[in-house]
Amino acid sequence: MNLEDRIVRLEAELASLRKRNRTFGVLLMLAIAVPALLAFGRGQVQVVRAERFEVVKDGNVLAVLDEGPAGSGLLAVYNKDGEPVGVLGADADGGVLIIGNKDGKTVGHLSADSDGGLLRIANRDGKPVGGFFATPEGGGLGIYDKDEKLVGGFWADSAGGSLEIYDKNEKLLGDFSAGSEGGILGIYNKDEKLVGSFWADSEGGVLGIYNKDEKRVGTFAAIPYGGGMGLY
């Protein structure tokens, strides 16, 4: 296989990885929706004792066992100030556990979905900063900034591991993935256009340089007798 054929094949694999990774990126963005703790645990105006149970001390409700929004059971725990700090319930996919801080803000959420477990972590203001979830291929991890924007993702897929880095506007700047013959690294500009790539294949390493329109302008690669370079 000549140098040009190698580059074309490797670029096709990189394009496939980008498409696959963007799908995981969308999943990561969707994985951070943290339900409000108050929606599950706030008391009702009328209490029917036969259908709702309360633990009360000095007139303060400390715990409630009631019917949840999905028609299943729900257990809510309150602190001494009446703020909900823990909820155990269920939804259509399985169990749901929600943890709140002393101000009633949701800071942790563990639930089940169609692929397995989903864990969300939020800061003290209830804004999501991290998510860990199961996929058909393994696990996925998303990291978010203070504005709930995805800035990094790491997950397992059929080829191995894949890592992505995003800017503050959730635009892809770099990815590093396992390919069929080794690692594949892609570097992107502010418009998510590929400007640099580095692969491993059966001959060694291949470095590609691209212009702002993703047109290849230079290549440097290992060949059987040493190094090879192409300018376009």
Protein backbone atom coordinates (compact mmCIF):
# COMPACT_ATOMS: atom_id res chain seq x y z
CA MET A 1 0.00 0.00 0.00
CA ASN A 2 1.47 3.37 -1.02
CA LEU A 3 1.51 6.47 1.19
CA GLU A 4 -1.52 8.08 -0.46
CA ASP A 5 -3.63 4.94 -0.05
CA ARG A 6 -2.64 4.70 3.61
CA ILE A 7 -3.64 8.29 4.28
CA VAL A 8 -6.99 7.94 2.50
CA ARG A 9 -7.81 4.80 4.50
CA LEU A 10 -6.76 6.40 7.80
CA GLU A 11 -8.72 9.59 7.07
CA ALA A 12 -11.80 7.49 6.41
CA GLU A 13 -11.35 5.79 9.78
CA LEU A 14 -10.93 9.17 11.50
CA ALA A 15 -14.12 10.46 9.85
CA SER A 16 -15.97 7.38 11.10
CA LEU A 17 -14.63 7.93 14.62
CA ARG A 18 -15.70 11.59 14.56
CA LYS A 19 -19.24 10.63 13.57
CA ARG A 20 -19.39 7.96 16.26
CA ASN A 21 -17.93 10.24 18.92
CA ARG A 22 -20.37 13.03 18.14
CA THR A 23 -23.17 10.58 18.85
CA PHE A 24 -21.66 9.94 22.28
CA GLY A 25 -21.25 13.69 22.73
CA VAL A 26 -24.98 14.16 22.29
CA LEU A 27 -25.62 11.43 24.85
CA LEU A 28 -23.30 13.20 27.28
CA MET A 29 -25.16 16.47 26.81
CA LEU A 30 -28.47 14.75 27.47
CA ALA A 31 -27.15 12.89 30.51
CA ILE A 32 -26.92 15.95 32.76
CA ALA A 33 -30.60 16.83 33.14
CA VAL A 34 -30.97 16.72 36.93
CA PRO A 35 -34.58 16.65 38.14
CA ALA A 36 -35.50 19.10 40.86
CA LEU A 37 -35.56 17.55 44.29
CA LEU A 38 -38.51 19.68 45.34
CA ALA A 39 -40.72 18.25 42.61
CA PHE A 40 -40.48 14.85 44.26
CA GLY A 41 -40.55 15.73 47.92
CA ARG A 42 -42.69 18.82 48.68
CA GLY A 43 -45.58 18.30 51.05
CA GLN A 44 -49.20 18.58 49.89
CA VAL A 45 -51.83 20.87 51.32
CA GLN A 46 -54.15 17.98 52.27
CA VAL A 47 -52.79 14.81 53.81
CA VAL A 48 -54.81 11.60 53.77
CA ARG A 49 -53.23 9.56 56.55
CA ALA A 50 -54.41 6.25 55.16
CA GLU A 51 -52.50 6.87 51.91
CA ARG A 52 -49.65 9.01 53.17
CA PHE A 53 -47.40 8.53 56.18
CA GLU A 54 -45.39 11.22 57.92
CA VAL A 55 -42.75 11.25 60.64
CA VAL A 56 -43.21 14.46 62.62
CA LYS A 57 -41.32 16.01 65.53
CA ASP A 58 -42.26 19.28 67.19
CA GLY A 59 -44.57 19.99 64.28
CA ASN A 60 -41.83 19.54 61.67
CA VAL A 61 -42.11 16.86 58.99
CA LEU A 62 -38.91 14.78 58.97
CA ALA A 63 -39.90 12.05 56.53
CA VAL A 64 -42.77 11.25 54.17
CA LEU A 65 -43.86 7.98 52.57
CA ASP A 66 -46.24 8.71 49.73
CA GLU A 67 -47.20 7.95 46.16
CA GLY A 68 -44.67 9.34 43.65
CA PRO A 69 -45.23 11.08 40.30
CA ALA A 70 -44.93 7.77 38.42
CA GLY A 71 -47.60 6.09 40.54
CA SER A 72 -45.05 4.13 42.58
CA GLY A 73 -43.81 4.57 46.13
CA LEU A 74 -41.75 7.54 47.25
CA LEU A 75 -39.77 8.19 50.40
CA ALA A 76 -38.66 11.76 51.13
CA VAL A 77 -36.40 12.86 54.00
CA TYR A 78 -36.22 16.46 55.27
CA ASN A 79 -33.71 18.28 57.44
CA LYS A 80 -34.67 20.26 60.55
CA ASP A 81 -35.32 23.33 58.40
CA GLY A 82 -37.88 21.52 56.27
CA GLU A 83 -35.65 21.22 53.19
CA PRO A 84 -35.77 17.90 51.30
CA VAL A 85 -32.30 16.29 51.44
CA GLY A 86 -33.06 12.80 50.17
CA VAL A 87 -35.64 11.12 47.96
CA LEU A 88 -35.98 7.47 47.04
CA GLY A 89 -38.52 6.67 44.37
CA ALA A 90 -39.09 5.06 41.01
CA ASP A 91 -39.76 5.99 37.41
CA ALA A 92 -40.53 4.04 34.24
CA ASP A 93 -36.95 2.65 34.01
CA GLY A 94 -36.43 1.64 37.66
CA GLY A 95 -35.25 3.15 40.93
CA VAL A 96 -34.30 6.79 41.51
CA LEU A 97 -32.18 8.16 44.36
CA ILE A 98 -31.81 11.92 44.78
CA ILE A 99 -29.51 13.62 47.30
CA GLY A 100 -29.84 17.29 48.24
CA ASN A 101 -27.72 19.71 50.24
CA LYS A 102 -28.91 21.70 53.26
CA ASP A 103 -30.49 24.28 50.94
CA GLY A 104 -32.60 21.70 49.13
CA LYS A 105 -30.50 21.80 45.95
CA THR A 106 -30.01 18.51 44.10
CA VAL A 107 -26.31 17.57 44.23
CA GLY A 108 -26.51 13.87 43.38
CA HIS A 109 -28.85 11.74 41.30
CA LEU A 110 -28.64 7.99 40.70
CA SER A 111 -31.14 6.30 38.42
CA ALA A 112 -31.65 3.43 36.00
CA ASP A 113 -32.22 3.73 32.26
CA SER A 114 -32.46 1.34 29.32
CA ASP A 115 -28.67 0.78 29.24
CA GLY A 116 -28.06 0.47 32.99
CA GLY A 117 -27.15 2.98 35.69
CA LEU A 118 -26.82 6.77 35.41
CA LEU A 119 -25.08 8.93 38.02
CA ARG A 120 -25.23 12.73 37.92
CA ILE A 121 -23.25 15.10 40.15
CA ALA A 122 -24.14 18.77 40.62
CA ASN A 123 -22.47 21.69 42.38
CA ARG A 124 -23.87 23.42 45.46
CA ASP A 125 -26.23 25.46 43.28
CA GLY A 126 -27.73 22.35 41.73
CA LYS A 127 -25.98 22.80 38.35
CA PRO A 128 -24.69 19.54 36.79
CA VAL A 129 -20.89 19.23 36.65
CA GLY A 130 -20.44 15.52 35.90
CA GLY A 131 -22.24 12.44 34.65
CA PHE A 132 -21.31 8.77 34.56
CA PHE A 133 -23.48 6.35 32.63
CA ALA A 134 -23.58 2.87 31.14
CA THR A 135 -23.71 2.25 27.38
CA PRO A 136 -24.00 -0.97 25.36
CA GLU A 137 -20.19 -0.88 24.92
CA GLY A 138 -19.23 -0.02 28.51
CA GLY A 139 -19.09 3.19 30.55
CA GLY A 140 -19.24 6.88 29.65
CA LEU A 141 -18.10 9.93 31.61
CA GLY A 142 -18.97 13.59 30.95
CA ILE A 143 -17.47 16.70 32.58
CA TYR A 144 -19.28 20.05 32.52
CA ASP A 145 -18.31 23.61 33.43
CA LYS A 146 -20.15 25.99 35.78
CA ASP A 147 -22.49 26.95 32.94
CA GLU A 148 -23.51 23.30 32.35
CA LYS A 149 -21.55 23.15 29.09
CA LEU A 150 -19.87 19.89 28.11
CA VAL A 151 -16.07 20.35 28.21
CA GLY A 152 -14.83 16.76 28.23
CA GLY A 153 -16.01 13.22 27.60
CA PHE A 154 -14.50 9.77 28.00
CA TRP A 155 -16.16 6.48 27.11
CA ALA A 156 -15.63 2.94 25.94
CA ASP A 157 -16.70 1.72 22.51
CA SER A 158 -16.15 -1.32 20.31
CA ALA A 159 -12.57 -0.26 19.45
CA GLY A 160 -11.50 0.70 22.99
CA GLY A 161 -11.42 4.08 24.73
CA SER A 162 -12.28 7.50 23.32
CA LEU A 163 -11.56 10.95 24.79
CA GLU A 164 -12.95 14.31 23.61
CA ILE A 165 -12.23 17.91 24.66
CA TYR A 166 -14.64 20.81 23.98
CA ASP A 167 -14.42 24.58 24.35
CA LYS A 168 -16.77 26.71 26.46
CA ASN A 169 -19.32 26.66 23.61
CA GLU A 170 -19.32 22.85 23.41
CA LYS A 171 -17.35 22.86 20.16
CA LEU A 172 -14.98 19.94 19.63
CA LEU A 173 -11.28 20.90 19.83
CA GLY A 174 -9.58 17.53 20.13
CA ASP A 175 -10.20 13.81 20.30
CA PHE A 176 -8.07 10.77 21.00
CA SER A 177 -9.46 7.34 20.18
CA ALA A 178 -8.43 3.75 19.77
CA GLY A 179 -8.44 2.72 16.11
CA SER A 180 -8.06 -0.57 14.31
CA GLU A 181 -4.22 -0.41 14.40
CA GLY A 182 -3.47 1.92 17.30
CA GLY A 183 -4.21 5.42 18.53
CA ILE A 184 -5.84 8.22 16.49
CA LEU A 185 -5.48 11.87 17.50
CA GLY A 186 -7.46 14.73 15.92
CA ILE A 187 -7.02 18.49 16.47
CA TYR A 188 -9.75 20.95 15.43
CA ASN A 189 -10.01 24.72 15.11
CA LYS A 190 -12.67 26.95 16.67
CA ASP A 191 -15.09 26.00 13.87
CA GLU A 192 -14.62 22.26 14.56
CA LYS A 193 -12.66 21.82 11.34
CA LEU A 194 -9.90 19.20 11.37
CA VAL A 195 -6.46 20.91 11.14
CA GLY A 196 -4.16 18.17 12.39
CA SER A 197 -4.19 14.41 12.84
CA PHE A 198 -1.79 11.73 13.99
CA TRP A 199 -2.36 7.98 13.52
CA ALA A 200 -0.64 4.71 14.08
CA ASP A 201 -0.83 2.02 11.40
CA SER A 202 1.08 -1.12 10.39
CA GLU A 203 4.01 0.94 9.03
CA GLY A 204 4.33 3.31 12.01
CA GLY A 205 3.11 6.86 12.53
CA VAL A 206 1.30 9.15 10.08
CA LEU A 207 0.99 12.92 10.60
CA GLY A 208 -1.50 14.97 8.57
CA ILE A 209 -1.84 18.76 8.31
CA TYR A 210 -5.00 20.42 6.94
CA ASN A 211 -6.08 23.95 6.05
CA LYS A 212 -9.11 25.76 7.50
CA ASP A 213 -11.37 23.96 5.01
CA GLU A 214 -10.11 20.49 6.09
CA LYS A 215 -8.13 20.07 2.86
CA ARG A 216 -4.93 18.10 3.34
CA VAL A 217 -1.84 20.24 2.69
CA GLY A 218 0.94 18.12 4.18
CA THR A 219 1.75 14.60 5.31
CA PHE A 220 4.68 12.98 7.07
CA ALA A 221 4.70 9.22 7.54
CA ALA A 222 6.90 6.27 8.35
CA ILE A 223 7.63 4.01 5.37
CA PRO A 224 9.58 0.71 5.15
CA TYR A 225 12.86 2.52 4.31
CA GLY A 226 12.52 5.52 6.62
CA GLY A 227 10.34 8.62 6.47
CA GLY A 228 8.16 10.01 3.69
CA MET A 229 6.75 13.51 3.26
CA GLY A 230 4.11 14.92 0.93
CA LEU A 231 3.07 18.53 0.27
CA TYR A 232 -0.18 19.38 -1.52
